Amino acid sequence: MAQIVPLTTAHAQKITTICPWYIWQGAIFRMPVMTLHRPKEEGGWSFPNISAKCRTLLYSRIQMMGDKDGTVLSEQISNLDLNHTLANPPNVARIPPKLVHIRQ
């Protein structure tokens, strides 16, 4: 479903609440949920961020559909001239030379 329909904020919050509740067996959470999302090297549990994971699945599906020839989405991407990649960061010419640290 996450590849077709965007996850609502309410559903993401429910899923994010249910998972730690299961881990802690209904007791008070012993650490913030954001700590669980951190990598193990940073003291977390590498617990997946449900909202980010669902957005990634949806965007990858959109990209896959846009890469196929003959689809409505690929035609719209061509019409809007979104086929080319942008420089990273895209507005590098706008960054003043005094703020070089922003470029990195």
PDB file of N, CA and C in Angstrom:
ATOM      1  N   MET A   1       0.818  -1.199   0.000  1.00  0.00           N
ATOM      2  CA  MET A   1       0.000   0.000   0.000  1.00  0.00           C
ATOM      3  C   MET A   1       0.857   1.255   0.000  1.00  0.00           C
ATOM      4  N   ALA A   2       2.005   1.209   0.681  1.00  0.00           N
ATOM      5  CA  ALA A   2       2.841   2.401   0.789  1.00  0.00           C
ATOM      6  C   ALA A   2       3.399   2.829  -0.558  1.00  0.00           C
ATOM      7  N   GLN A   3       3.423   1.913  -1.532  1.00  0.00           N
ATOM      8  CA  GLN A   3       3.919   2.268  -2.858  1.00  0.00           C
ATOM      9  C   GLN A   3       2.850   2.960  -3.699  1.00  0.00           C
ATOM     10  N   ILE A   4       1.602   2.912  -3.257  1.00  0.00           N
ATOM     11  CA  ILE A   4       0.512   3.456  -4.056  1.00  0.00           C
ATOM     12  C   ILE A   4      -0.156   4.644  -3.376  1.00  0.00           C
ATOM     13  N   VAL A   5      -0.440   4.521  -2.088  1.00  0.00           N
ATOM     14  CA  VAL A   5      -1.170   5.551  -1.339  1.00  0.00           C
ATOM     15  C   VAL A   5      -0.247   6.149  -0.284  1.00  0.00           C
ATOM     16  N   PRO A   6      -0.136   7.469  -0.220  1.00  0.00           N
ATOM     17  CA  PRO A   6       0.710   8.068   0.813  1.00  0.00           C
ATOM     18  C   PRO A   6       0.156   7.789   2.214  1.00  0.00           C
ATOM     19  N   LEU A   7       1.035   7.545   3.138  1.00  0.00           N
ATOM     20  CA  LEU A   7       0.665   7.290   4.527  1.00  0.00           C
ATOM     21  C   LEU A   7       0.241   8.597   5.182  1.00  0.00           C
ATOM     22  N   THR A   8      -0.896   8.596   5.854  1.00  0.00           N
ATOM     23  CA  THR A   8      -1.337   9.805   6.541  1.00  0.00           C
ATOM     24  C   THR A   8      -0.541   9.978   7.832  1.00  0.00           C
ATOM     25  N   THR A   9      -0.509  11.182   8.328  1.00  0.00           N
ATOM     26  CA  THR A   9       0.221  11.465   9.569  1.00  0.00           C
ATOM     27  C   THR A   9      -0.374  10.688  10.733  1.00  0.00           C
ATOM     28  N   ALA A  10      -1.698  10.604  10.777  1.00  0.00           N
ATOM     29  CA  ALA A  10      -2.354   9.888  11.877  1.00  0.00           C
ATOM     30  C   ALA A  10      -1.974   8.407  11.885  1.00  0.00           C
ATOM     31  N   HIS A  11      -1.958   7.781  10.700  1.00  0.00           N
ATOM     32  CA  HIS A  11      -1.584   6.368  10.634  1.00  0.00           C
ATOM     33  C   HIS A  11      -0.114   6.161  10.980  1.00  0.00           C
ATOM     34  N   ALA A  12       0.740   7.063  10.525  1.00  0.00           N
ATOM     35  CA  ALA A  12       2.170   6.952  10.840  1.00  0.00           C
ATOM     36  C   ALA A  12       2.399   7.067  12.341  1.00  0.00           C
ATOM     37  N   GLN A  13       1.677   7.978  12.990  1.00  0.00           N
ATOM     38  CA  GLN A  13       1.814   8.127  14.443  1.00  0.00           C
ATOM     39  C   GLN A  13       1.327   6.883  15.174  1.00  0.00           C
ATOM     40  N   LYS A  14       0.235   6.288  14.695  1.00  0.00           N
ATOM     41  CA  LYS A  14      -0.276   5.073  15.334  1.00  0.00           C
ATOM     42  C   LYS A  14       0.721   3.929  15.213  1.00  0.00           C
ATOM     43  N   ILE A  15       1.270   3.737  14.019  1.00  0.00           N
ATOM     44  CA  ILE A  15       2.239   2.655  13.823  1.00  0.00           C
ATOM     45  C   ILE A  15       3.495   2.913  14.644  1.00  0.00           C
ATOM     46  N   THR A  16       3.941   4.160  14.658  1.00  0.00           N
ATOM     47  CA  THR A  16       5.139   4.511  15.411  1.00  0.00           C
ATOM     48  C   THR A  16       4.913   4.327  16.914  1.00  0.00           C
ATOM     49  N   THR A  17       3.701   4.488  17.388  1.00  0.00           N
ATOM     50  CA  THR A  17       3.395   4.303  18.804  1.00  0.00           C
ATOM     51  C   THR A  17       3.230   2.826  19.152  1.00  0.00           C
ATOM     52  N   ILE A  18       2.626   2.059  18.247  1.00  0.00           N
ATOM     53  CA  ILE A  18       2.366   0.644  18.522  1.00  0.00           C
ATOM     54  C   ILE A  18       3.666  -0.151  18.640  1.00  0.00           C
ATOM     55  N   CYS A  19       4.629   0.120  17.782  1.00  0.00           N
ATOM     56  CA  CYS A  19       5.875  -0.665  17.775  1.00  0.00           C
ATOM     57  C   CYS A  19       6.650  -0.542  19.086  1.00  0.00           C
ATOM     58  N   PRO A  20       6.934   0.672  19.590  1.00  0.00           N
ATOM     59  CA  PRO A  20       7.615   0.753  20.887  1.00  0.00           C
ATOM     60  C   PRO A  20       6.765   0.205  22.038  1.00  0.00           C
ATOM     61  N   TRP A  21       5.435   0.343  21.935  1.00  0.00           N
ATOM     62  CA  TRP A  21       4.572  -0.208  22.971  1.00  0.00           C
ATOM     63  C   TRP A  21       4.762  -1.715  23.045  1.00  0.00           C
ATOM     64  N   TYR A  22       4.886  -2.356  21.878  1.00  0.00           N
ATOM     65  CA  TYR A  22       5.126  -3.796  21.842  1.00  0.00           C
ATOM     66  C   TYR A  22       6.495  -4.132  22.439  1.00  0.00           C
ATOM     67  N   ILE A  23       7.498  -3.331  22.101  1.00  0.00           N
ATOM     68  CA  ILE A  23       8.850  -3.588  22.613  1.00  0.00           C
ATOM     69  C   ILE A  23       8.891  -3.494  24.133  1.00  0.00           C
ATOM     70  N   TRP A  24       8.255  -2.470  24.678  1.00  0.00           N
ATOM     71  CA  TRP A  24       8.298  -2.244  26.122  1.00  0.00           C
ATOM     72  C   TRP A  24       7.170  -2.970  26.855  1.00  0.00           C
ATOM     73  N   GLN A  25       6.402  -3.790  26.162  1.00  0.00           N
ATOM     74  CA  GLN A  25       5.330  -4.596  26.755  1.00  0.00           C
ATOM     75  C   GLN A  25       4.289  -3.751  27.487  1.00  0.00           C
ATOM     76  N   GLY A  26       3.963  -2.607  26.937  1.00  0.00           N
ATOM     77  CA  GLY A  26       2.925  -1.755  27.505  1.00  0.00           C
ATOM     78  C   GLY A  26       3.401  -0.852  28.621  1.00  0.00           C
ATOM     79  N   ALA A  27       4.654  -0.976  29.053  1.00  0.00           N
ATOM     80  CA  ALA A  27       5.176  -0.112  30.116  1.00  0.00           C
ATOM     81  C   ALA A  27       5.519   1.254  29.526  1.00  0.00           C
ATOM     82  N   ILE A  28       5.885   2.176  30.381  1.00  0.00           N
ATOM     83  CA  ILE A  28       6.296   3.506  29.935  1.00  0.00           C
ATOM     84  C   ILE A  28       7.561   3.352  29.091  1.00  0.00           C
ATOM     85  N   PHE A  29       7.609   4.082  27.978  1.00  0.00           N
ATOM     86  CA  PHE A  29       8.771   3.994  27.094  1.00  0.00           C
ATOM     87  C   PHE A  29      10.030   4.388  27.866  1.00  0.00           C
ATOM     88  N   ARG A  30      11.030   3.565  27.763  1.00  0.00           N
ATOM     89  CA  ARG A  30      12.255   3.807  28.511  1.00  0.00           C
ATOM     90  C   ARG A  30      13.210   4.768  27.805  1.00  0.00           C
ATOM     91  N   MET A  31      12.971   4.997  26.536  1.00  0.00           N
ATOM     92  CA  MET A  31      13.778   5.964  25.783  1.00  0.00           C
ATOM     93  C   MET A  31      12.910   6.556  24.680  1.00  0.00           C
ATOM     94  N   PRO A  32      13.252   7.758  24.215  1.00  0.00           N
ATOM     95  CA  PRO A  32      12.455   8.371  23.149  1.00  0.00           C
ATOM     96  C   PRO A  32      12.490   7.532  21.872  1.00  0.00           C
ATOM     97  N   VAL A  33      11.421   7.603  21.121  1.00  0.00           N
ATOM     98  CA  VAL A  33      11.320   6.833  19.884  1.00  0.00           C
ATOM     99  C   VAL A  33      12.418   7.250  18.903  1.00  0.00           C
ATOM    100  N   MET A  34      12.756   8.530  18.883  1.00  0.00           N
ATOM    101  CA  MET A  34      13.805   8.995  17.965  1.00  0.00           C
ATOM    102  C   MET A  34      15.152   8.342  18.285  1.00  0.00           C
ATOM    103  N   THR A  35      15.381   7.999  19.544  1.00  0.00           N
ATOM    104  CA  THR A  35      16.614   7.300  19.902  1.00  0.00           C
ATOM    105  C   THR A  35      16.617   5.900  19.305  1.00  0.00           C
ATOM    106  N   LEU A  36      15.450   5.275  19.239  1.00  0.00           N
ATOM    107  CA  LEU A  36      15.362   3.945  18.636  1.00  0.00           C
ATOM    108  C   LEU A  36      15.687   3.980  17.136  1.00  0.00           C
ATOM    109  N   HIS A  37      15.429   5.104  16.481  1.00  0.00           N
ATOM    110  CA  HIS A  37      15.691   5.228  15.049  1.00  0.00           C
ATOM    111  C   HIS A  37      17.178   5.380  14.741  1.00  0.00           C
ATOM    112  N   ARG A  38      17.959   5.798  15.697  1.00  0.00           N
ATOM    113  CA  ARG A  38      19.394   6.007  15.439  1.00  0.00           C
ATOM    114  C   ARG A  38      20.093   4.695  15.107  1.00  0.00           C
ATOM    115  N   PRO A  39      21.207   4.770  14.356  1.00  0.00           N
ATOM    116  CA  PRO A  39      21.985   3.553  14.087  1.00  0.00           C
ATOM    117  C   PRO A  39      22.576   2.986  15.377  1.00  0.00           C
ATOM    118  N   LYS A  40      22.888   1.715  15.358  1.00  0.00           N
ATOM    119  CA  LYS A  40      23.429   1.055  16.548  1.00  0.00           C
ATOM    120  C   LYS A  40      24.745   1.683  16.991  1.00  0.00           C
ATOM    121  N   GLU A  41      25.526   2.189  16.015  1.00  0.00           N
ATOM    122  CA  GLU A  41      26.806   2.813  16.349  1.00  0.00           C
ATOM    123  C   GLU A  41      26.610   4.091  17.161  1.00  0.00           C
ATOM    124  N   GLU A  42      25.425   4.702  17.037  1.00  0.00           N
ATOM    125  CA  GLU A  42      25.134   5.944  17.759  1.00  0.00           C
ATOM    126  C   GLU A  42      24.267   5.702  18.988  1.00  0.00           C
ATOM    127  N   GLY A  43      24.138   4.457  19.406  1.00  0.00           N
ATOM    128  CA  GLY A  43      23.390   4.150  20.622  1.00  0.00           C
ATOM    129  C   GLY A  43      21.924   3.842  20.411  1.00  0.00           C
ATOM    130  N   GLY A  44      21.482   3.718  19.175  1.00  0.00           N
ATOM    131  CA  GLY A  44      20.087   3.408  18.898  1.00  0.00           C
ATOM    132  C   GLY A  44      19.900   1.928  18.607  1.00  0.00           C
ATOM    133  N   TRP A  45      18.726   1.589  18.104  1.00  0.00           N
ATOM    134  CA  TRP A  45      18.412   0.202  17.769  1.00  0.00           C
ATOM    135  C   TRP A  45      18.245   0.000  16.273  1.00  0.00           C
ATOM    136  N   SER A  46      18.497   0.991  15.455  1.00  0.00           N
ATOM    137  CA  SER A  46      18.279   0.949  14.002  1.00  0.00           C
ATOM    138  C   SER A  46      16.839   0.594  13.672  1.00  0.00           C
ATOM    139  N   PHE A  47      15.940   1.100  14.499  1.00  0.00           N
ATOM    140  CA  PHE A  47      14.508   0.871  14.317  1.00  0.00           C
ATOM    141  C   PHE A  47      14.042   1.689  13.127  1.00  0.00           C
ATOM    142  N   PRO A  48      13.278   1.114  12.186  1.00  0.00           N
ATOM    143  CA  PRO A  48      12.908   1.869  10.987  1.00  0.00           C
ATOM    144  C   PRO A  48      11.978   3.040  11.292  1.00  0.00           C
ATOM    145  N   ASN A  49      12.206   4.139  10.603  1.00  0.00           N
ATOM    146  CA  ASN A  49      11.311   5.289  10.685  1.00  0.00           C
ATOM    147  C   ASN A  49      10.188   5.025   9.686  1.00  0.00           C
ATOM    148  N   ILE A  50       9.006   4.710  10.200  1.00  0.00           N
ATOM    149  CA  ILE A  50       7.894   4.261   9.355  1.00  0.00           C
ATOM    150  C   ILE A  50       7.507   5.323   8.332  1.00  0.00           C
ATOM    151  N   SER A  51       7.426   6.585   8.738  1.00  0.00           N
ATOM    152  CA  SER A  51       7.038   7.649   7.807  1.00  0.00           C
ATOM    153  C   SER A  51       8.039   7.773   6.669  1.00  0.00           C
ATOM    154  N   ALA A  52       9.323   7.785   7.009  1.00  0.00           N
ATOM    155  CA  ALA A  52      10.358   7.917   5.986  1.00  0.00           C
ATOM    156  C   ALA A  52      10.380   6.694   5.072  1.00  0.00           C
ATOM    157  N   LYS A  53      10.192   5.528   5.642  1.00  0.00           N
ATOM    158  CA  LYS A  53      10.196   4.295   4.853  1.00  0.00           C
ATOM    159  C   LYS A  53       9.037   4.288   3.848  1.00  0.00           C
ATOM    160  N   CYS A  54       7.843   4.699   4.287  1.00  0.00           N
ATOM    161  CA  CYS A  54       6.682   4.719   3.383  1.00  0.00           C
ATOM    162  C   CYS A  54       6.839   5.782   2.300  1.00  0.00           C
ATOM    163  N   ARG A  55       7.393   6.947   2.650  1.00  0.00           N
ATOM    164  CA  ARG A  55       7.632   7.983   1.642  1.00  0.00           C
ATOM    165  C   ARG A  55       8.637   7.493   0.611  1.00  0.00           C
ATOM    166  N   THR A  56       9.675   6.804   1.066  1.00  0.00           N
ATOM    167  CA  THR A  56      10.685   6.281   0.156  1.00  0.00           C
ATOM    168  C   THR A  56      10.088   5.262  -0.807  1.00  0.00           C
ATOM    169  N   LEU A  57       9.228   4.379  -0.287  1.00  0.00           N
ATOM    170  CA  LEU A  57       8.575   3.402  -1.158  1.00  0.00           C
ATOM    171  C   LEU A  57       7.703   4.086  -2.202  1.00  0.00           C
ATOM    172  N   LEU A  58       6.957   5.107  -1.783  1.00  0.00           N
ATOM    173  CA  LEU A  58       6.087   5.830  -2.711  1.00  0.00           C
ATOM    174  C   LEU A  58       6.902   6.559  -3.771  1.00  0.00           C
ATOM    175  N   TYR A  59       7.960   7.256  -3.357  1.00  0.00           N
ATOM    176  CA  TYR A  59       8.775   8.007  -4.314  1.00  0.00           C
ATOM    177  C   TYR A  59       9.518   7.081  -5.269  1.00  0.00           C
ATOM    178  N   SER A  60       9.958   5.926  -4.783  1.00  0.00           N
ATOM    179  CA  SER A  60      10.642   4.997  -5.678  1.00  0.00           C
ATOM    180  C   SER A  60       9.663   4.432  -6.709  1.00  0.00           C
ATOM    181  N   ARG A  61       8.411   4.221  -6.286  1.00  0.00           N
ATOM    182  CA  ARG A  61       7.390   3.753  -7.229  1.00  0.00           C
ATOM    183  C   ARG A  61       7.097   4.819  -8.286  1.00  0.00           C
ATOM    184  N   ILE A  62       7.014   6.077  -7.844  1.00  0.00           N
ATOM    185  CA  ILE A  62       6.783   7.169  -8.787  1.00  0.00           C
ATOM    186  C   ILE A  62       7.930   7.262  -9.779  1.00  0.00           C
ATOM    187  N   GLN A  63       9.155   7.133  -9.281  1.00  0.00           N
ATOM    188  CA  GLN A  63      10.319   7.186 -10.164  1.00  0.00           C
ATOM    189  C   GLN A  63      10.301   6.014 -11.149  1.00  0.00           C
ATOM    190  N   MET A  64       9.954   4.826 -10.670  1.00  0.00           N
ATOM    191  CA  MET A  64       9.906   3.656 -11.533  1.00  0.00           C
ATOM    192  C   MET A  64       8.846   3.832 -12.622  1.00  0.00           C
ATOM    193  N   MET A  65       7.688   4.373 -12.261  1.00  0.00           N
ATOM    194  CA  MET A  65       6.635   4.603 -13.246  1.00  0.00           C
ATOM    195  C   MET A  65       7.031   5.706 -14.230  1.00  0.00           C
ATOM    196  N   GLY A  66       7.788   6.686 -13.758  1.00  0.00           N
ATOM    197  CA  GLY A  66       8.241   7.756 -14.636  1.00  0.00           C
ATOM    198  C   GLY A  66       9.300   7.308 -15.624  1.00  0.00           C
ATOM    199  N   ASP A  67      10.052   6.247 -15.267  1.00  0.00           N
ATOM    200  CA  ASP A  67      11.092   5.729 -16.157  1.00  0.00           C
ATOM    201  C   ASP A  67      10.526   4.864 -17.278  1.00  0.00           C
ATOM    202  N   LYS A  68       9.311   4.339 -17.093  1.00  0.00           N
ATOM    203  CA  LYS A  68       8.696   3.506 -18.129  1.00  0.00           C
ATOM    204  C   LYS A  68       8.214   4.378 -19.274  1.00  0.00           C
ATOM    205  N   ASP A  69       8.470   3.935 -20.492  1.00  0.00           N
ATOM    206  CA  ASP A  69       7.997   4.668 -21.673  1.00  0.00           C
ATOM    207  C   ASP A  69       6.520   4.401 -21.895  1.00  0.00           C
ATOM    208  N   GLY A  70       5.816   5.434 -22.311  1.00  0.00           N
ATOM    209  CA  GLY A  70       4.416   5.273 -22.671  1.00  0.00           C
ATOM    210  C   GLY A  70       3.426   5.464 -21.539  1.00  0.00           C
ATOM    211  N   THR A  71       3.889   5.736 -20.314  1.00  0.00           N
ATOM    212  CA  THR A  71       2.951   5.965 -19.221  1.00  0.00           C
ATOM    213  C   THR A  71       2.591   7.443 -19.152  1.00  0.00           C
ATOM    214  N   VAL A  72       1.463   7.729 -18.524  1.00  0.00           N
ATOM    215  CA  VAL A  72       1.019   9.115 -18.374  1.00  0.00           C
ATOM    216  C   VAL A  72       2.034   9.897 -17.551  1.00  0.00           C
ATOM    217  N   LEU A  73       2.562   9.258 -16.502  1.00  0.00           N
ATOM    218  CA  LEU A  73       3.536   9.943 -15.649  1.00  0.00           C
ATOM    219  C   LEU A  73       4.809  10.280 -16.410  1.00  0.00           C
ATOM    220  N   SER A  74       5.287   9.368 -17.249  1.00  0.00           N
ATOM    221  CA  SER A  74       6.511   9.656 -18.015  1.00  0.00           C
ATOM    222  C   SER A  74       6.278  10.790 -19.004  1.00  0.00           C
ATOM    223  N   GLU A  75       5.075  10.860 -19.563  1.00  0.00           N
ATOM    224  CA  GLU A  75       4.748  11.969 -20.464  1.00  0.00           C
ATOM    225  C   GLU A  75       4.727  13.300 -19.723  1.00  0.00           C
ATOM    226  N   GLN A  76       4.153  13.309 -18.522  1.00  0.00           N
ATOM    227  CA  GLN A  76       4.114  14.536 -17.727  1.00  0.00           C
ATOM    228  C   GLN A  76       5.520  14.974 -17.327  1.00  0.00           C
ATOM    229  N   ILE A  77       6.363  14.021 -16.968  1.00  0.00           N
ATOM    230  CA  ILE A  77       7.741  14.352 -16.603  1.00  0.00           C
ATOM    231  C   ILE A  77       8.469  14.944 -17.804  1.00  0.00           C
ATOM    232  N   SER A  78       8.235  14.384 -18.998  1.00  0.00           N
ATOM    233  CA  SER A  78       8.858  14.920 -20.218  1.00  0.00           C
ATOM    234  C   SER A  78       8.334  16.315 -20.533  1.00  0.00           C
ATOM    235  N   ASN A  79       7.015  16.512 -20.391  1.00  0.00           N
ATOM    236  CA  ASN A  79       6.422  17.822 -20.671  1.00  0.00           C
ATOM    237  C   ASN A  79       6.937  18.904 -19.731  1.00  0.00           C
ATOM    238  N   LEU A  80       7.185  18.532 -18.479  1.00  0.00           N
ATOM    239  CA  LEU A  80       7.681  19.499 -17.497  1.00  0.00           C
ATOM    240  C   LEU A  80       9.200  19.610 -17.515  1.00  0.00           C
ATOM    241  N   ASP A  81       9.855  18.848 -18.383  1.00  0.00           N
ATOM    242  CA  ASP A  81      11.316  18.852 -18.527  1.00  0.00           C
ATOM    243  C   ASP A  81      12.001  18.503 -17.203  1.00  0.00           C
ATOM    244  N   LEU A  82      11.542  17.421 -16.582  1.00  0.00           N
ATOM    245  CA  LEU A  82      12.124  16.968 -15.319  1.00  0.00           C
ATOM    246  C   LEU A  82      13.011  15.740 -15.505  1.00  0.00           C
ATOM    247  N   ASN A  83      13.400  15.445 -16.730  1.00  0.00           N
ATOM    248  CA  ASN A  83      14.187  14.245 -17.011  1.00  0.00           C
ATOM    249  C   ASN A  83      15.649  14.374 -16.606  1.00  0.00           C
ATOM    250  N   HIS A  84      16.164  15.580 -16.571  1.00  0.00           N
ATOM    251  CA  HIS A  84      17.586  15.753 -16.297  1.00  0.00           C
ATOM    252  C   HIS A  84      17.828  15.864 -14.786  1.00  0.00           C
ATOM    253  N   THR A  85      19.050  15.549 -14.383  1.00  0.00           N
ATOM    254  CA  THR A  85      19.419  15.659 -12.977  1.00  0.00           C
ATOM    255  C   THR A  85      19.904  17.074 -12.689  1.00  0.00           C
ATOM    256  N   LEU A  86      19.705  17.501 -11.457  1.00  0.00           N
ATOM    257  CA  LEU A  86      20.126  18.829 -11.032  1.00  0.00           C
ATOM    258  C   LEU A  86      21.485  18.758 -10.365  1.00  0.00           C
ATOM    259  N   ALA A  87      22.213  19.862 -10.431  1.00  0.00           N
ATOM    260  CA  ALA A  87      23.478  19.939  -9.706  1.00  0.00           C
ATOM    261  C   ALA A  87      23.164  19.946  -8.220  1.00  0.00           C
ATOM    262  N   ASN A  88      24.049  19.404  -7.430  1.00  0.00           N
ATOM    263  CA  ASN A  88      23.818  19.341  -5.992  1.00  0.00           C
ATOM    264  C   ASN A  88      24.818  20.231  -5.284  1.00  0.00           C
ATOM    265  N   PRO A  89      24.466  21.257  -4.600  1.00  0.00           N
ATOM    266  CA  PRO A  89      23.134  21.818  -4.425  1.00  0.00           C
ATOM    267  C   PRO A  89      22.688  22.570  -5.672  1.00  0.00           C
ATOM    268  N   PRO A  90      21.381  22.613  -5.936  1.00  0.00           N
ATOM    269  CA  PRO A  90      20.913  23.180  -7.196  1.00  0.00           C
ATOM    270  C   PRO A  90      21.125  24.681  -7.322  1.00  0.00           C
ATOM    271  N   ASN A  91      21.178  25.407  -6.238  1.00  0.00           N
ATOM    272  CA  ASN A  91      21.318  26.864  -6.283  1.00  0.00           C
ATOM    273  C   ASN A  91      22.697  27.300  -5.794  1.00  0.00           C
ATOM    274  N   VAL A  92      23.725  26.605  -6.227  1.00  0.00           N
ATOM    275  CA  VAL A  92      25.073  26.887  -5.740  1.00  0.00           C
ATOM    276  C   VAL A  92      25.521  28.301  -6.109  1.00  0.00           C
ATOM    277  N   ALA A  93      25.025  28.843  -7.218  1.00  0.00           N
ATOM    278  CA  ALA A  93      25.431  30.191  -7.620  1.00  0.00           C
ATOM    279  C   ALA A  93      24.834  31.256  -6.698  1.00  0.00           C
ATOM    280  N   ARG A  94      23.754  30.940  -6.015  1.00  0.00           N
ATOM    281  CA  ARG A  94      23.111  31.901  -5.121  1.00  0.00           C
ATOM    282  C   ARG A  94      23.805  32.024  -3.765  1.00  0.00           C
ATOM    283  N   ILE A  95      24.613  31.026  -3.392  1.00  0.00           N
ATOM    284  CA  ILE A  95      25.256  31.049  -2.079  1.00  0.00           C
ATOM    285  C   ILE A  95      26.394  32.058  -2.100  1.00  0.00           C
ATOM    286  N   PRO A  96      26.357  33.047  -1.213  1.00  0.00           N
ATOM    287  CA  PRO A  96      27.427  34.044  -1.195  1.00  0.00           C
ATOM    288  C   PRO A  96      28.771  33.406  -0.826  1.00  0.00           C
ATOM    289  N   PRO A  97      29.862  33.937  -1.362  1.00  0.00           N
ATOM    290  CA  PRO A  97      31.181  33.367  -1.060  1.00  0.00           C
ATOM    291  C   PRO A  97      31.527  33.408   0.430  1.00  0.00           C
ATOM    292  N   LYS A  98      30.929  34.340   1.174  1.00  0.00           N
ATOM    293  CA  LYS A  98      31.212  34.419   2.609  1.00  0.00           C
ATOM    294  C   LYS A  98      30.643  33.218   3.363  1.00  0.00           C
ATOM    295  N   LEU A  99      29.667  32.558   2.781  1.00  0.00           N
ATOM    296  CA  LEU A  99      29.028  31.414   3.441  1.00  0.00           C
ATOM    297  C   LEU A  99      29.469  30.100   2.812  1.00  0.00           C
ATOM    298  N   VAL A 100      30.769  29.930   2.672  1.00  0.00           N
ATOM    299  CA  VAL A 100      31.326  28.751   2.027  1.00  0.00           C
ATOM    300  C   VAL A 100      30.952  27.478   2.796  1.00  0.00           C
ATOM    301  N   HIS A 101      30.824  27.582   4.107  1.00  0.00           N
ATOM    302  CA  HIS A 101      30.518  26.392   4.916  1.00  0.00           C
ATOM    303  C   HIS A 101      29.148  25.798   4.555  1.00  0.00           C
ATOM    304  N   ILE A 102      28.246  26.594   3.993  1.00  0.00           N
ATOM    305  CA  ILE A 102      26.939  26.076   3.597  1.00  0.00           C
ATOM    306  C   ILE A 102      27.072  25.150   2.398  1.00  0.00           C
ATOM    307  N   ARG A 103      28.022  25.418   1.525  1.00  0.00           N
ATOM    308  CA  ARG A 103      28.197  24.587   0.340  1.00  0.00           C
ATOM    309  C   ARG A 103      28.568  23.151   0.701  1.00  0.00           C
ATOM    310  N   GLN A 104      29.197  22.948   1.818  1.00  0.00           N
ATOM    311  CA  GLN A 104      29.618  21.616   2.203  1.00  0.00           C
ATOM    312  C   GLN A 104      28.503  20.945   2.922  1.00  0.00           C
TER     313      GLN A 104
END
